[in-house]
Amino acid sequence: MRPRAVTIGLALAGLLASGTTLAGERPAAVETCLGCHAIKGYKNAYPTYHVPKLGGQHAQYIVDALRAYANGERPHSTMHANAVTLSEEEMQAIAKWFEEQGE
């Protein structure tokens, strides 16, 4: 095998192993978000509040919110439990994907 082909193969394998997504692909971590944030008019049961749709939201706002949930600056036990497990790269990928979805 040629050295260039090996290098390209290793780079692609590294991307796949790291969970990084290529442009336009939905990051795996988004699946958890969609369970609440993709349902039009969804309200949490207790306490009752509107769950915002994230499609079209500015990516930086989503990243800032996820960081705040992860470090406890924004109180919400479910969001904390999800955000605290995310890497910075996952937060960025989630935010970028939602921003690209529009309304």
Protein backbone atom coordinates (compact mmCIF):
# COMPACT_ATOMS: atom_id res chain seq x y z
CA MET A 1 0.00 0.00 0.00
CA ARG A 2 1.26 3.50 -0.77
CA PRO A 3 2.25 5.72 2.17
CA ARG A 4 -0.23 8.46 1.20
CA ALA A 5 -3.15 6.01 1.15
CA VAL A 6 -2.12 4.70 4.55
CA THR A 7 -1.93 8.24 5.95
CA ILE A 8 -5.37 9.13 4.59
CA GLY A 9 -6.83 5.89 5.93
CA LEU A 10 -5.40 6.52 9.38
CA ALA A 11 -6.70 10.09 9.39
CA LEU A 12 -10.21 8.95 8.46
CA ALA A 13 -10.12 6.21 11.08
CA GLY A 14 -9.09 8.79 13.67
CA LEU A 15 -12.02 11.03 12.74
CA LEU A 16 -14.46 8.16 13.05
CA ALA A 17 -13.02 6.97 16.34
CA SER A 18 -13.10 10.46 17.85
CA GLY A 19 -16.78 10.94 17.09
CA THR A 20 -16.06 13.94 14.88
CA THR A 21 -18.57 14.39 12.13
CA LEU A 22 -18.18 15.55 8.58
CA ALA A 23 -20.11 18.59 7.40
CA GLY A 24 -23.86 18.04 7.29
CA GLU A 25 -23.88 14.86 9.34
CA ARG A 26 -25.87 14.72 12.55
CA PRO A 27 -23.57 14.20 15.55
CA ALA A 28 -24.50 11.13 17.60
CA ALA A 29 -24.91 13.25 20.74
CA VAL A 30 -27.74 15.19 19.06
CA GLU A 31 -30.04 12.18 19.35
CA THR A 32 -30.46 12.77 23.09
CA CYS A 33 -31.24 16.46 22.49
CA LEU A 34 -33.91 15.70 19.93
CA GLY A 35 -35.94 13.73 22.47
CA CYS A 36 -37.16 17.03 23.97
CA HIS A 37 -35.91 19.89 21.82
CA ALA A 38 -37.37 18.68 18.53
CA ILE A 39 -40.97 18.34 19.69
CA LYS A 40 -43.06 21.37 18.72
CA GLY A 41 -44.84 22.87 21.72
CA TYR A 42 -43.30 20.37 24.17
CA LYS A 43 -43.59 21.24 27.85
CA ASN A 44 -41.85 19.56 30.71
CA ALA A 45 -44.22 17.87 33.16
CA TYR A 46 -42.87 19.10 36.48
CA PRO A 47 -42.23 21.86 36.91
CA THR A 48 -44.16 22.87 33.82
CA TYR A 49 -42.17 25.00 31.40
CA HIS A 50 -41.75 25.35 27.67
CA VAL A 51 -38.84 23.36 26.19
CA PRO A 52 -37.24 25.53 23.50
CA LYS A 53 -36.66 24.33 19.96
CA LEU A 54 -32.98 24.65 19.10
CA GLY A 55 -33.11 24.61 15.30
CA GLY A 56 -31.69 27.86 13.98
CA GLN A 57 -30.34 28.99 17.36
CA HIS A 58 -26.89 30.61 17.26
CA ALA A 59 -24.21 27.99 17.84
CA GLN A 60 -22.31 30.07 20.40
CA TYR A 61 -25.46 30.47 22.50
CA ILE A 62 -25.93 26.68 22.58
CA VAL A 63 -22.28 26.09 23.50
CA ASP A 64 -22.46 28.70 26.26
CA ALA A 65 -25.66 27.15 27.62
CA LEU A 66 -24.21 23.62 27.56
CA ARG A 67 -21.09 24.79 29.40
CA ALA A 68 -23.25 26.57 32.00
CA TYR A 69 -25.39 23.46 32.52
CA ALA A 70 -22.27 21.29 32.78
CA ASN A 71 -20.62 23.45 35.45
CA GLY A 72 -23.83 24.15 37.38
CA GLU A 73 -24.19 27.84 36.52
CA ARG A 74 -27.58 27.06 34.94
CA PRO A 75 -29.64 24.83 37.23
CA HIS A 76 -31.47 21.95 35.56
CA SER A 77 -30.73 18.39 36.64
CA THR A 78 -31.54 16.73 33.31
CA MET A 79 -29.55 19.23 31.28
CA HIS A 80 -26.65 19.01 33.74
CA ALA A 81 -26.62 15.21 33.49
CA ASN A 82 -26.45 15.41 29.70
CA ALA A 83 -24.07 18.36 29.36
CA VAL A 84 -21.52 17.19 31.90
CA THR A 85 -20.77 14.11 29.76
CA LEU A 86 -20.02 16.13 26.60
CA SER A 87 -16.57 17.06 25.39
CA GLU A 88 -15.92 20.54 24.03
CA GLU A 89 -15.84 19.06 20.51
CA GLU A 90 -19.23 17.41 21.03
CA MET A 91 -20.72 20.67 22.31
CA GLN A 92 -19.39 22.51 19.27
CA ALA A 93 -20.70 19.84 16.88
CA ILE A 94 -24.16 19.80 18.49
CA ALA A 95 -24.36 23.59 18.40
CA LYS A 96 -23.24 23.81 14.77
CA TRP A 97 -25.74 21.15 13.71
CA PHE A 98 -28.67 22.87 15.42
CA GLU A 99 -27.67 26.27 14.02
CA GLU A 100 -27.74 24.79 10.49
CA GLN A 101 -31.26 23.40 10.94
CA GLY A 102 -33.08 26.74 10.81
CA GLU A 103 -36.55 27.08 12.31
